[in-house]
Amino acid sequence: MVDYVIKTNQLSKIYSKNKVVDSVNMHVERGKIYGLLGKNGAGKTTTMCMLLNLTYPSSGEIFLFGKNPEKHSDEIYSKIGSIIETPGFYENLTAYENLKIISKIRGDFDPYTINSVLKMVNLDGHHSKQFKDFSLGMKQRLGIAAAIMHSPELLILDEPINGLDPFGIKEIRDLLKRLSREFGITILIDTDFITYSK
């Protein structure tokens, strides 16, 4: 039996009279990388927001890890890491300092974990550099570091390669492939054109 981490049934969203997501049936298998492909305004981000309970569906069903998120929200969302639109961090703080604040808010501060995820996303060599001086690729990688600090089973990433140059795109692509391959993380990304083959 196939293990679906994400499953939707006729998922739809209407704003006023405008249907921005129309009857989406999605089946995302555990440990795989899936992309939501489409032009701007196609409803990709809105779909992700519905999966993350940031906006409510107008109709249809969502199952995450085989369960209804309305009935099992704490259990389900603790297993998910996400970036929706541009990652937000304190401009005058370093990567470590930003992640320290996030982890303290979550109540799971651990210096070893922070250093481990910074190494994983190739930011461990920028101890004194402030976020305001990061390149776009570095900002995206710090966003991913924040999303994986609590060892999620599912990552939902909204345009993680948007605006990056070819080298930055390759860095993010290789990182996501590694997270899937080595750690078994299921990844759903919103993108225009890039593919992630195993």
N, C-alpha and C. Protein backbone atom coordinates (compact mmCIF):
# COMPACT_ATOMS: atom_id res chain seq x y z
N MET A 1 0.84 -1.20 0.00
CA MET A 1 0.00 0.00 0.00
C MET A 1 0.87 1.25 0.00
N VAL A 2 0.55 2.20 -0.86
CA VAL A 2 1.35 3.42 -0.99
C VAL A 2 1.12 4.32 0.23
N ASP A 3 2.23 4.85 0.78
CA ASP A 3 2.16 5.73 1.94
C ASP A 3 2.16 7.18 1.45
N TYR A 4 1.01 7.81 1.47
CA TYR A 4 0.90 9.20 1.03
C TYR A 4 1.02 10.14 2.24
N VAL A 5 2.00 11.04 2.17
CA VAL A 5 2.16 12.05 3.21
C VAL A 5 1.15 13.17 3.01
N ILE A 6 0.89 13.50 1.74
CA ILE A 6 -0.13 14.50 1.40
C ILE A 6 -1.15 13.86 0.46
N LYS A 7 -2.42 14.04 0.76
CA LYS A 7 -3.48 13.58 -0.12
C LYS A 7 -4.61 14.61 -0.07
N THR A 8 -5.02 15.07 -1.24
CA THR A 8 -6.16 16.00 -1.30
C THR A 8 -7.23 15.43 -2.22
N ASN A 9 -8.45 15.81 -1.93
CA ASN A 9 -9.59 15.35 -2.71
C ASN A 9 -10.45 16.55 -3.11
N GLN A 10 -10.43 16.90 -4.40
CA GLN A 10 -11.24 17.99 -4.94
C GLN A 10 -11.03 19.30 -4.16
N LEU A 11 -9.77 19.58 -3.83
CA LEU A 11 -9.45 20.77 -3.04
C LEU A 11 -9.63 22.04 -3.87
N SER A 12 -10.43 22.97 -3.34
CA SER A 12 -10.74 24.21 -4.08
C SER A 12 -10.73 25.41 -3.14
N LYS A 13 -10.42 26.57 -3.73
CA LYS A 13 -10.45 27.82 -2.97
C LYS A 13 -11.03 28.92 -3.84
N ILE A 14 -12.01 29.63 -3.27
CA ILE A 14 -12.66 30.74 -3.97
C ILE A 14 -12.49 32.01 -3.14
N TYR A 15 -11.99 33.06 -3.77
CA TYR A 15 -11.94 34.38 -3.17
C TYR A 15 -12.95 35.25 -3.89
N SER A 16 -13.95 35.76 -3.13
CA SER A 16 -15.07 36.47 -3.76
C SER A 16 -15.72 35.51 -4.75
N LYS A 17 -15.69 35.84 -6.04
CA LYS A 17 -16.24 34.94 -7.04
C LYS A 17 -15.16 34.31 -7.91
N ASN A 18 -13.91 34.51 -7.49
CA ASN A 18 -12.78 34.04 -8.30
C ASN A 18 -12.25 32.72 -7.73
N LYS A 19 -12.35 31.65 -8.52
CA LYS A 19 -11.85 30.33 -8.09
C LYS A 19 -10.36 30.27 -8.41
N VAL A 20 -9.52 30.33 -7.37
CA VAL A 20 -8.08 30.36 -7.57
C VAL A 20 -7.45 28.97 -7.50
N VAL A 21 -8.13 28.03 -6.85
CA VAL A 21 -7.71 26.62 -6.85
C VAL A 21 -8.95 25.80 -7.17
N ASP A 22 -8.82 24.96 -8.19
CA ASP A 22 -10.00 24.27 -8.71
C ASP A 22 -9.83 22.76 -8.68
N SER A 23 -10.42 22.12 -7.68
CA SER A 23 -10.54 20.66 -7.62
C SER A 23 -9.21 19.92 -7.76
N VAL A 24 -8.27 20.25 -6.88
CA VAL A 24 -6.95 19.63 -6.92
C VAL A 24 -6.97 18.29 -6.20
N ASN A 25 -6.54 17.25 -6.90
CA ASN A 25 -6.38 15.91 -6.33
C ASN A 25 -4.88 15.59 -6.32
N MET A 26 -4.29 15.59 -5.15
CA MET A 26 -2.84 15.45 -5.02
C MET A 26 -2.51 14.21 -4.20
N HIS A 27 -1.51 13.47 -4.65
CA HIS A 27 -1.04 12.29 -3.92
C HIS A 27 0.49 12.34 -3.87
N VAL A 28 1.03 12.69 -2.71
CA VAL A 28 2.47 12.85 -2.54
C VAL A 28 3.00 11.71 -1.68
N GLU A 29 3.87 10.90 -2.27
CA GLU A 29 4.40 9.73 -1.57
C GLU A 29 5.51 10.10 -0.60
N ARG A 30 5.61 9.34 0.46
CA ARG A 30 6.64 9.57 1.49
C ARG A 30 8.04 9.45 0.88
N GLY A 31 8.90 10.40 1.26
CA GLY A 31 10.30 10.34 0.86
C GLY A 31 10.60 10.86 -0.53
N LYS A 32 9.60 11.35 -1.25
CA LYS A 32 9.79 11.82 -2.62
C LYS A 32 9.80 13.35 -2.66
N ILE A 33 10.27 13.89 -3.78
CA ILE A 33 10.22 15.34 -4.04
C ILE A 33 9.21 15.58 -5.14
N TYR A 34 8.24 16.44 -4.86
CA TYR A 34 7.20 16.78 -5.82
C TYR A 34 7.22 18.28 -6.08
N GLY A 35 6.92 18.66 -7.30
CA GLY A 35 6.83 20.07 -7.64
C GLY A 35 5.44 20.46 -8.10
N LEU A 36 4.96 21.58 -7.59
CA LEU A 36 3.75 22.20 -8.12
C LEU A 36 4.18 23.15 -9.22
N LEU A 37 3.88 22.80 -10.45
CA LEU A 37 4.33 23.60 -11.58
C LEU A 37 3.19 24.46 -12.10
N GLY A 38 3.51 25.68 -12.48
CA GLY A 38 2.49 26.55 -13.05
C GLY A 38 2.96 27.99 -13.08
N LYS A 39 2.31 28.77 -13.91
CA LYS A 39 2.67 30.18 -14.03
C LYS A 39 2.19 30.95 -12.80
N ASN A 40 2.65 32.19 -12.67
CA ASN A 40 2.22 33.04 -11.56
C ASN A 40 0.71 33.19 -11.58
N GLY A 41 0.10 33.09 -10.39
CA GLY A 41 -1.35 33.22 -10.30
C GLY A 41 -2.11 31.93 -10.52
N ALA A 42 -1.38 30.81 -10.67
CA ALA A 42 -2.04 29.53 -10.93
C ALA A 42 -2.63 28.90 -9.67
N GLY A 43 -2.33 29.46 -8.50
CA GLY A 43 -2.89 28.92 -7.26
C GLY A 43 -1.94 28.04 -6.47
N LYS A 44 -0.65 28.03 -6.84
CA LYS A 44 0.30 27.14 -6.17
C LYS A 44 0.49 27.54 -4.70
N THR A 45 0.76 28.82 -4.46
CA THR A 45 0.96 29.27 -3.08
C THR A 45 -0.30 29.11 -2.25
N THR A 46 -1.45 29.39 -2.85
CA THR A 46 -2.72 29.22 -2.13
C THR A 46 -2.92 27.77 -1.72
N THR A 47 -2.56 26.84 -2.60
CA THR A 47 -2.66 25.42 -2.28
C THR A 47 -1.78 25.08 -1.09
N MET A 48 -0.56 25.59 -1.10
CA MET A 48 0.35 25.34 0.02
C MET A 48 -0.19 25.95 1.31
N CYS A 49 -0.76 27.13 1.22
CA CYS A 49 -1.33 27.77 2.42
C CYS A 49 -2.49 26.95 2.98
N MET A 50 -3.27 26.32 2.12
CA MET A 50 -4.35 25.46 2.61
C MET A 50 -3.77 24.22 3.30
N LEU A 51 -2.71 23.65 2.73
CA LEU A 51 -2.08 22.49 3.35
C LEU A 51 -1.52 22.83 4.73
N LEU A 52 -1.05 24.07 4.89
CA LEU A 52 -0.44 24.49 6.14
C LEU A 52 -1.43 25.14 7.11
N ASN A 53 -2.70 25.13 6.74
CA ASN A 53 -3.75 25.69 7.60
C ASN A 53 -3.61 27.20 7.77
N LEU A 54 -3.01 27.87 6.78
CA LEU A 54 -2.89 29.32 6.80
C LEU A 54 -4.10 29.99 6.14
N THR A 55 -4.83 29.22 5.35
CA THR A 55 -6.10 29.66 4.80
C THR A 55 -6.98 28.42 4.67
N TYR A 56 -8.28 28.61 4.73
CA TYR A 56 -9.20 27.48 4.74
C TYR A 56 -9.70 27.16 3.33
N PRO A 57 -9.83 25.89 3.00
CA PRO A 57 -10.40 25.52 1.71
C PRO A 57 -11.86 25.94 1.61
N SER A 58 -12.29 26.28 0.41
CA SER A 58 -13.72 26.52 0.18
C SER A 58 -14.47 25.21 0.07
N SER A 59 -13.80 24.19 -0.44
CA SER A 59 -14.38 22.85 -0.51
C SER A 59 -13.26 21.83 -0.70
N GLY A 60 -13.58 20.57 -0.53
CA GLY A 60 -12.59 19.50 -0.69
C GLY A 60 -12.00 19.05 0.63
N GLU A 61 -11.10 18.07 0.54
CA GLU A 61 -10.52 17.45 1.73
C GLU A 61 -9.00 17.45 1.66
N ILE A 62 -8.38 17.51 2.84
CA ILE A 62 -6.93 17.41 2.98
C ILE A 62 -6.62 16.32 4.00
N PHE A 63 -5.67 15.45 3.66
CA PHE A 63 -5.17 14.46 4.61
C PHE A 63 -3.65 14.56 4.62
N LEU A 64 -3.07 14.74 5.80
CA LEU A 64 -1.63 14.81 5.97
C LEU A 64 -1.20 13.67 6.88
N PHE A 65 -0.25 12.88 6.42
CA PHE A 65 0.18 11.67 7.14
C PHE A 65 -1.02 10.76 7.40
N GLY A 66 -1.97 10.77 6.47
CA GLY A 66 -3.13 9.89 6.55
C GLY A 66 -4.22 10.35 7.50
N LYS A 67 -4.06 11.58 8.05
CA LYS A 67 -5.03 12.06 9.04
C LYS A 67 -5.62 13.40 8.64
N ASN A 68 -6.78 13.68 9.19
CA ASN A 68 -7.45 14.95 8.97
C ASN A 68 -6.77 16.01 9.84
N PRO A 69 -6.17 17.05 9.23
CA PRO A 69 -5.44 18.05 10.04
C PRO A 69 -6.34 18.86 10.97
N GLU A 70 -7.63 18.93 10.69
CA GLU A 70 -8.53 19.65 11.59
C GLU A 70 -8.68 18.93 12.93
N LYS A 71 -8.54 17.61 12.90
CA LYS A 71 -8.72 16.81 14.12
C LYS A 71 -7.39 16.47 14.81
N HIS A 72 -6.29 16.60 14.07
CA HIS A 72 -4.99 16.19 14.62
C HIS A 72 -3.93 17.26 14.35
N SER A 73 -4.29 18.53 14.53
CA SER A 73 -3.42 19.63 14.09
C SER A 73 -2.07 19.63 14.80
N ASP A 74 -2.05 19.49 16.12
CA ASP A 74 -0.79 19.55 16.86
C ASP A 74 0.16 18.43 16.43
N GLU A 75 -0.37 17.24 16.30
CA GLU A 75 0.45 16.09 15.90
C GLU A 75 0.99 16.27 14.49
N ILE A 76 0.15 16.75 13.59
CA ILE A 76 0.52 16.84 12.18
C ILE A 76 1.50 17.98 11.91
N TYR A 77 1.18 19.17 12.39
CA TYR A 77 1.98 20.33 12.00
C TYR A 77 3.33 20.38 12.70
N SER A 78 3.50 19.60 13.76
CA SER A 78 4.82 19.50 14.39
C SER A 78 5.79 18.70 13.51
N LYS A 79 5.27 17.99 12.52
CA LYS A 79 6.09 17.18 11.61
C LYS A 79 6.41 17.91 10.31
N ILE A 80 6.00 19.18 10.20
CA ILE A 80 6.13 19.91 8.94
C ILE A 80 7.03 21.13 9.11
N GLY A 81 7.92 21.34 8.16
CA GLY A 81 8.69 22.57 8.05
C GLY A 81 8.28 23.28 6.78
N SER A 82 8.32 24.61 6.78
CA SER A 82 7.82 25.32 5.60
C SER A 82 8.47 26.67 5.40
N ILE A 83 8.46 27.11 4.16
CA ILE A 83 8.76 28.49 3.79
C ILE A 83 7.66 28.93 2.84
N ILE A 84 6.93 29.97 3.21
CA ILE A 84 5.93 30.54 2.32
C ILE A 84 6.38 31.96 1.97
N GLU A 85 6.58 32.18 0.67
CA GLU A 85 7.10 33.45 0.16
C GLU A 85 8.49 33.70 0.74
N THR A 86 8.91 34.94 0.97
CA THR A 86 10.28 35.24 1.35
C THR A 86 10.53 34.99 2.83
N PRO A 87 11.58 34.22 3.16
CA PRO A 87 11.90 33.99 4.57
C PRO A 87 12.18 35.31 5.29
N GLY A 88 11.66 35.49 6.49
CA GLY A 88 11.86 36.72 7.24
C GLY A 88 12.79 36.51 8.43
N PHE A 89 13.85 37.29 8.48
CA PHE A 89 14.80 37.21 9.59
C PHE A 89 15.20 38.61 10.03
N TYR A 90 15.85 38.69 11.19
CA TYR A 90 16.36 39.97 11.68
C TYR A 90 17.59 40.38 10.88
N GLU A 91 17.53 41.56 10.27
CA GLU A 91 18.58 42.01 9.35
C GLU A 91 19.94 42.16 10.02
N ASN A 92 19.95 42.58 11.29
CA ASN A 92 21.22 42.89 11.95
C ASN A 92 21.80 41.72 12.76
N LEU A 93 21.24 40.53 12.57
CA LEU A 93 21.72 39.35 13.27
C LEU A 93 22.37 38.36 12.31
N THR A 94 23.23 37.52 12.85
CA THR A 94 23.87 36.48 12.04
C THR A 94 22.90 35.31 11.83
N ALA A 95 23.33 34.36 11.01
CA ALA A 95 22.51 33.16 10.78
C ALA A 95 22.28 32.43 12.09
N TYR A 96 23.34 32.23 12.87
CA TYR A 96 23.21 31.51 14.14
C TYR A 96 22.27 32.25 15.08
N GLU A 97 22.43 33.55 15.19
CA GLU A 97 21.60 34.33 16.12
C GLU A 97 20.13 34.28 15.73
N ASN A 98 19.85 34.32 14.43
CA ASN A 98 18.46 34.22 13.97
C ASN A 98 17.87 32.87 14.32
N LEU A 99 18.61 31.80 14.06
CA LEU A 99 18.10 30.47 14.37
C LEU A 99 17.97 30.25 15.88
N LYS A 100 18.85 30.88 16.65
CA LYS A 100 18.76 30.78 18.11
C LYS A 100 17.44 31.37 18.61
N ILE A 101 17.05 32.51 18.07
CA ILE A 101 15.79 33.13 18.47
C ILE A 101 14.61 32.23 18.12
N ILE A 102 14.61 31.70 16.90
CA ILE A 102 13.51 30.83 16.46
C ILE A 102 13.41 29.60 17.36
N SER A 103 14.54 28.98 17.65
CA SER A 103 14.51 27.76 18.46
C SER A 103 14.10 28.05 19.90
N LYS A 104 14.47 29.21 20.43
CA LYS A 104 14.05 29.56 21.78
C LYS A 104 12.55 29.81 21.84
N ILE A 105 12.00 30.41 20.79
CA ILE A 105 10.55 30.60 20.73
C ILE A 105 9.84 29.24 20.70
N ARG A 106 10.41 28.29 19.96
CA ARG A 106 9.83 26.95 19.89
C ARG A 106 10.02 26.17 21.19
N GLY A 107 11.00 26.59 21.98
CA GLY A 107 11.29 25.88 23.22
C GLY A 107 12.21 24.70 23.05
N ASP A 108 13.01 24.67 21.95
CA ASP A 108 13.90 23.54 21.73
C ASP A 108 15.31 23.99 21.37
N PHE A 109 15.79 25.05 22.02
CA PHE A 109 17.12 25.58 21.72
C PHE A 109 18.21 24.56 22.02
N ASP A 110 19.06 24.34 21.01
CA ASP A 110 20.17 23.42 21.13
C ASP A 110 21.28 23.90 20.20
N PRO A 111 22.38 24.41 20.74
CA PRO A 111 23.47 24.92 19.89
C PRO A 111 23.98 23.90 18.88
N TYR A 112 24.05 22.63 19.29
CA TYR A 112 24.54 21.59 18.38
C TYR A 112 23.63 21.46 17.15
N THR A 113 22.31 21.50 17.39
CA THR A 113 21.36 21.39 16.28
C THR A 113 21.50 22.56 15.32
N ILE A 114 21.63 23.77 15.87
CA ILE A 114 21.76 24.95 15.02
C ILE A 114 23.02 24.86 14.18
N ASN A 115 24.15 24.50 14.80
CA ASN A 115 25.40 24.38 14.05
C ASN A 115 25.31 23.27 12.99
N SER A 116 24.59 22.22 13.31
CA SER A 116 24.45 21.09 12.36
C SER A 116 23.66 21.51 11.13
N VAL A 117 22.55 22.23 11.33
CA VAL A 117 21.75 22.62 10.16
C VAL A 117 22.46 23.71 9.36
N LEU A 118 23.21 24.59 10.03
CA LEU A 118 23.97 25.60 9.29
C LEU A 118 25.04 24.93 8.42
N LYS A 119 25.66 23.89 8.94
CA LYS A 119 26.64 23.15 8.15
C LYS A 119 25.96 22.44 6.98
N MET A 120 24.78 21.90 7.24
CA MET A 120 24.04 21.18 6.21
C MET A 120 23.70 22.08 5.02
N VAL A 121 23.38 23.35 5.31
CA VAL A 121 23.00 24.28 4.23
C VAL A 121 24.18 25.15 3.79
N ASN A 122 25.38 24.77 4.24
CA ASN A 122 26.61 25.44 3.82
C ASN A 122 26.67 26.91 4.26
N LEU A 123 26.21 27.17 5.48
CA LEU A 123 26.31 28.53 6.04
C LEU A 123 27.18 28.56 7.30
N ASP A 124 27.86 27.45 7.59
CA ASP A 124 28.63 27.38 8.83
C ASP A 124 29.90 28.23 8.79
N GLY A 125 30.30 28.71 7.63
CA GLY A 125 31.50 29.52 7.53
C GLY A 125 31.23 31.02 7.58
N HIS A 126 30.01 31.40 7.94
CA HIS A 126 29.65 32.83 7.95
C HIS A 126 29.22 33.26 9.35
N HIS A 127 30.10 33.07 10.31
CA HIS A 127 29.76 33.29 11.72
C HIS A 127 29.42 34.74 12.04
N SER A 128 30.12 35.69 11.44
CA SER A 128 29.94 37.09 11.82
C SER A 128 29.12 37.89 10.80
N LYS A 129 28.79 37.28 9.68
CA LYS A 129 28.06 38.01 8.63
C LYS A 129 26.60 38.20 9.00
N GLN A 130 26.12 39.43 8.89
CA GLN A 130 24.73 39.71 9.23
C GLN A 130 23.81 39.38 8.07
N PHE A 131 22.56 39.08 8.39
CA PHE A 131 21.59 38.67 7.38
C PHE A 131 21.44 39.71 6.28
N LYS A 132 21.53 40.98 6.61
CA LYS A 132 21.36 42.04 5.61
C LYS A 132 22.43 41.98 4.52
N ASP A 133 23.55 41.32 4.83
CA ASP A 133 24.65 41.21 3.86
C ASP A 133 24.65 39.87 3.13
N PHE A 134 23.64 39.04 3.37
CA PHE A 134 23.54 37.74 2.69
C PHE A 134 23.13 37.93 1.24
N SER A 135 23.61 37.04 0.39
CA SER A 135 23.08 36.94 -0.97
C SER A 135 21.69 36.32 -0.92
N LEU A 136 20.95 36.39 -2.02
CA LEU A 136 19.62 35.79 -2.05
C LEU A 136 19.69 34.29 -1.81
N GLY A 137 20.69 33.64 -2.39
CA GLY A 137 20.84 32.21 -2.18
C GLY A 137 21.10 31.86 -0.73
N MET A 138 21.92 32.67 -0.05
CA MET A 138 22.19 32.44 1.37
C MET A 138 20.91 32.63 2.19
N LYS A 139 20.11 33.62 1.84
CA LYS A 139 18.86 33.86 2.56
C LYS A 139 17.91 32.67 2.41
N GLN A 140 17.85 32.12 1.19
CA GLN A 140 16.99 30.97 0.96
C GLN A 140 17.49 29.76 1.74
N ARG A 141 18.81 29.57 1.77
CA ARG A 141 19.36 28.43 2.51
C ARG A 141 19.15 28.58 4.01
N LEU A 142 19.20 29.81 4.52
CA LEU A 142 18.91 30.02 5.94
C LEU A 142 17.43 29.73 6.22
N GLY A 143 16.56 30.09 5.28
CA GLY A 143 15.15 29.75 5.43
C GLY A 143 14.94 28.25 5.52
N ILE A 144 15.65 27.51 4.70
CA ILE A 144 15.54 26.05 4.74
C ILE A 144 16.11 25.52 6.06
N ALA A 145 17.22 26.12 6.53
CA ALA A 145 17.78 25.71 7.82
C ALA A 145 16.76 25.88 8.94
N ALA A 146 16.07 27.01 8.93
CA ALA A 146 15.04 27.25 9.95
C ALA A 146 13.91 26.24 9.85
N ALA A 147 13.60 25.84 8.62
CA ALA A 147 12.48 24.90 8.41
C ALA A 147 12.82 23.48 8.81
N ILE A 148 14.12 23.13 8.86
CA ILE A 148 14.49 21.74 9.17
C ILE A 148 15.06 21.57 10.57
N MET A 149 15.15 22.66 11.35
CA MET A 149 15.76 22.57 12.68
C MET A 149 15.07 21.55 13.58
N HIS A 150 13.77 21.40 13.42
CA HIS A 150 13.04 20.48 14.31
C HIS A 150 12.86 19.10 13.69
N SER A 151 13.68 18.77 12.69
CA SER A 151 13.68 17.45 12.05
C SER A 151 12.30 17.06 11.52
N PRO A 152 11.73 17.86 10.60
CA PRO A 152 10.41 17.55 10.08
C PRO A 152 10.43 16.34 9.14
N GLU A 153 9.27 15.76 8.97
CA GLU A 153 9.12 14.66 8.00
C GLU A 153 8.66 15.18 6.65
N LEU A 154 8.12 16.39 6.63
CA LEU A 154 7.61 16.99 5.40
C LEU A 154 8.07 18.44 5.31
N LEU A 155 8.58 18.83 4.13
CA LEU A 155 8.94 20.22 3.86
C LEU A 155 8.03 20.76 2.76
N ILE A 156 7.46 21.93 3.01
CA ILE A 156 6.64 22.61 2.00
C ILE A 156 7.31 23.95 1.72
N LEU A 157 7.83 24.11 0.52
CA LEU A 157 8.66 25.26 0.18
C LEU A 157 8.07 26.02 -1.01
N ASP A 158 7.80 27.29 -0.78
CA ASP A 158 7.21 28.15 -1.80
C ASP A 158 8.32 28.86 -2.57
N GLU A 159 8.55 28.45 -3.81
CA GLU A 159 9.53 29.05 -4.71
C GLU A 159 10.91 29.19 -4.07
N PRO A 160 11.53 28.10 -3.64
CA PRO A 160 12.84 28.20 -2.99
C PRO A 160 13.96 28.62 -3.92
N ILE A 161 13.74 28.59 -5.24
CA ILE A 161 14.80 28.99 -6.18
C ILE A 161 14.45 30.28 -6.91
N ASN A 162 13.39 30.94 -6.51
CA ASN A 162 12.95 32.15 -7.20
C ASN A 162 14.03 33.24 -7.14
N GLY A 163 14.44 33.74 -8.30
CA GLY A 163 15.41 34.83 -8.38
C GLY A 163 16.86 34.42 -8.27
N LEU A 164 17.13 33.13 -8.12
CA LEU A 164 18.51 32.68 -7.98
C LEU A 164 19.18 32.52 -9.34
N ASP A 165 20.50 32.68 -9.34
CA ASP A 165 21.27 32.42 -10.56
C ASP A 165 21.45 30.90 -10.70
N PRO A 166 21.98 30.45 -11.84
CA PRO A 166 22.11 28.99 -12.05
C PRO A 166 22.88 28.27 -10.95
N PHE A 167 23.94 28.90 -10.41
CA PHE A 167 24.71 28.27 -9.33
C PHE A 167 23.85 28.14 -8.07
N GLY A 168 23.10 29.20 -7.76
CA GLY A 168 22.22 29.17 -6.58
C GLY A 168 21.14 28.12 -6.73
N ILE A 169 20.60 28.00 -7.94
CA ILE A 169 19.57 26.99 -8.20
C ILE A 169 20.14 25.59 -7.95
N LYS A 170 21.37 25.36 -8.44
CA LYS A 170 21.99 24.04 -8.25
C LYS A 170 22.23 23.76 -6.77
N GLU A 171 22.65 24.78 -6.02
CA GLU A 171 22.88 24.59 -4.58
C GLU A 171 21.61 24.14 -3.87
N ILE A 172 20.50 24.84 -4.15
CA ILE A 172 19.23 24.50 -3.49
C ILE A 172 18.76 23.13 -3.95
N ARG A 173 18.87 22.86 -5.26
CA ARG A 173 18.44 21.57 -5.78
C ARG A 173 19.22 20.43 -5.14
N ASP A 174 20.54 20.57 -5.04
CA ASP A 174 21.36 19.52 -4.44
C ASP A 174 21.04 19.34 -2.96
N LEU A 175 20.77 20.45 -2.26
CA LEU A 175 20.42 20.37 -0.85
C LEU A 175 19.11 19.61 -0.65
N LEU A 176 18.10 19.93 -1.45
CA LEU A 176 16.81 19.26 -1.30
C LEU A 176 16.90 17.78 -1.65
N LYS A 177 17.68 17.47 -2.67
CA LYS A 177 17.87 16.06 -3.02
C LYS A 177 18.55 15.31 -1.88
N ARG A 178 19.51 15.96 -1.22
CA ARG A 178 20.18 15.33 -0.10
C ARG A 178 19.22 15.12 1.08
N LEU A 179 18.39 16.11 1.37
CA LEU A 179 17.43 15.99 2.47
C LEU A 179 16.47 14.83 2.22
N SER A 180 16.08 14.66 0.97
CA SER A 180 15.18 13.57 0.62
C SER A 180 15.89 12.22 0.69
N ARG A 181 17.07 12.17 0.10
CA ARG A 181 17.78 10.91 -0.04
C ARG A 181 18.34 10.40 1.28
N GLU A 182 18.97 11.30 2.06
CA GLU A 182 19.67 10.88 3.27
C GLU A 182 18.77 10.86 4.51
N PHE A 183 17.76 11.72 4.53
CA PHE A 183 16.95 11.84 5.74
C PHE A 183 15.50 11.42 5.53
N GLY A 184 15.16 11.05 4.30
CA GLY A 184 13.81 10.56 4.03
C GLY A 184 12.72 11.61 4.12
N ILE A 185 13.11 12.89 4.02
CA ILE A 185 12.13 13.97 4.12
C ILE A 185 11.34 14.07 2.82
N THR A 186 10.04 14.13 2.95
CA THR A 186 9.16 14.36 1.80
C THR A 186 9.14 15.86 1.52
N ILE A 187 9.27 16.25 0.25
CA ILE A 187 9.38 17.67 -0.08
C ILE A 187 8.38 18.04 -1.17
N LEU A 188 7.62 19.08 -0.92
CA LEU A 188 6.72 19.67 -1.91
C LEU A 188 7.20 21.08 -2.18
N ILE A 189 7.53 21.36 -3.44
CA ILE A 189 8.00 22.69 -3.80
C ILE A 189 7.09 23.31 -4.85
N ASP A 190 7.03 24.61 -4.81
CA ASP A 190 6.30 25.41 -5.79
C ASP A 190 7.36 26.03 -6.69
N THR A 191 7.29 25.74 -7.98
CA THR A 191 8.31 26.24 -8.88
C THR A 191 7.74 26.38 -10.29
N ASP A 192 8.47 27.12 -11.12
CA ASP A 192 8.03 27.35 -12.49
C ASP A 192 8.58 26.33 -13.48
N PHE A 193 9.87 25.89 -13.23
CA PHE A 193 10.46 25.11 -14.31
C PHE A 193 11.45 24.05 -13.89
N ILE A 194 11.97 24.10 -12.67
CA ILE A 194 13.07 23.21 -12.32
C ILE A 194 12.55 21.82 -11.95
N THR A 195 13.29 20.79 -12.27
CA THR A 195 12.93 19.43 -11.87
C THR A 195 14.00 18.87 -10.94
N TYR A 196 13.60 17.95 -10.08
CA TYR A 196 14.49 17.35 -9.10
C TYR A 196 14.44 15.84 -9.29
N SER A 197 15.40 15.29 -9.98
CA SER A 197 15.42 13.85 -10.20
C SER A 197 16.34 13.20 -9.17
N LYS A 198 16.00 12.01 -8.77
CA LYS A 198 16.81 11.30 -7.77
C LYS A 198 18.04 10.69 -8.42
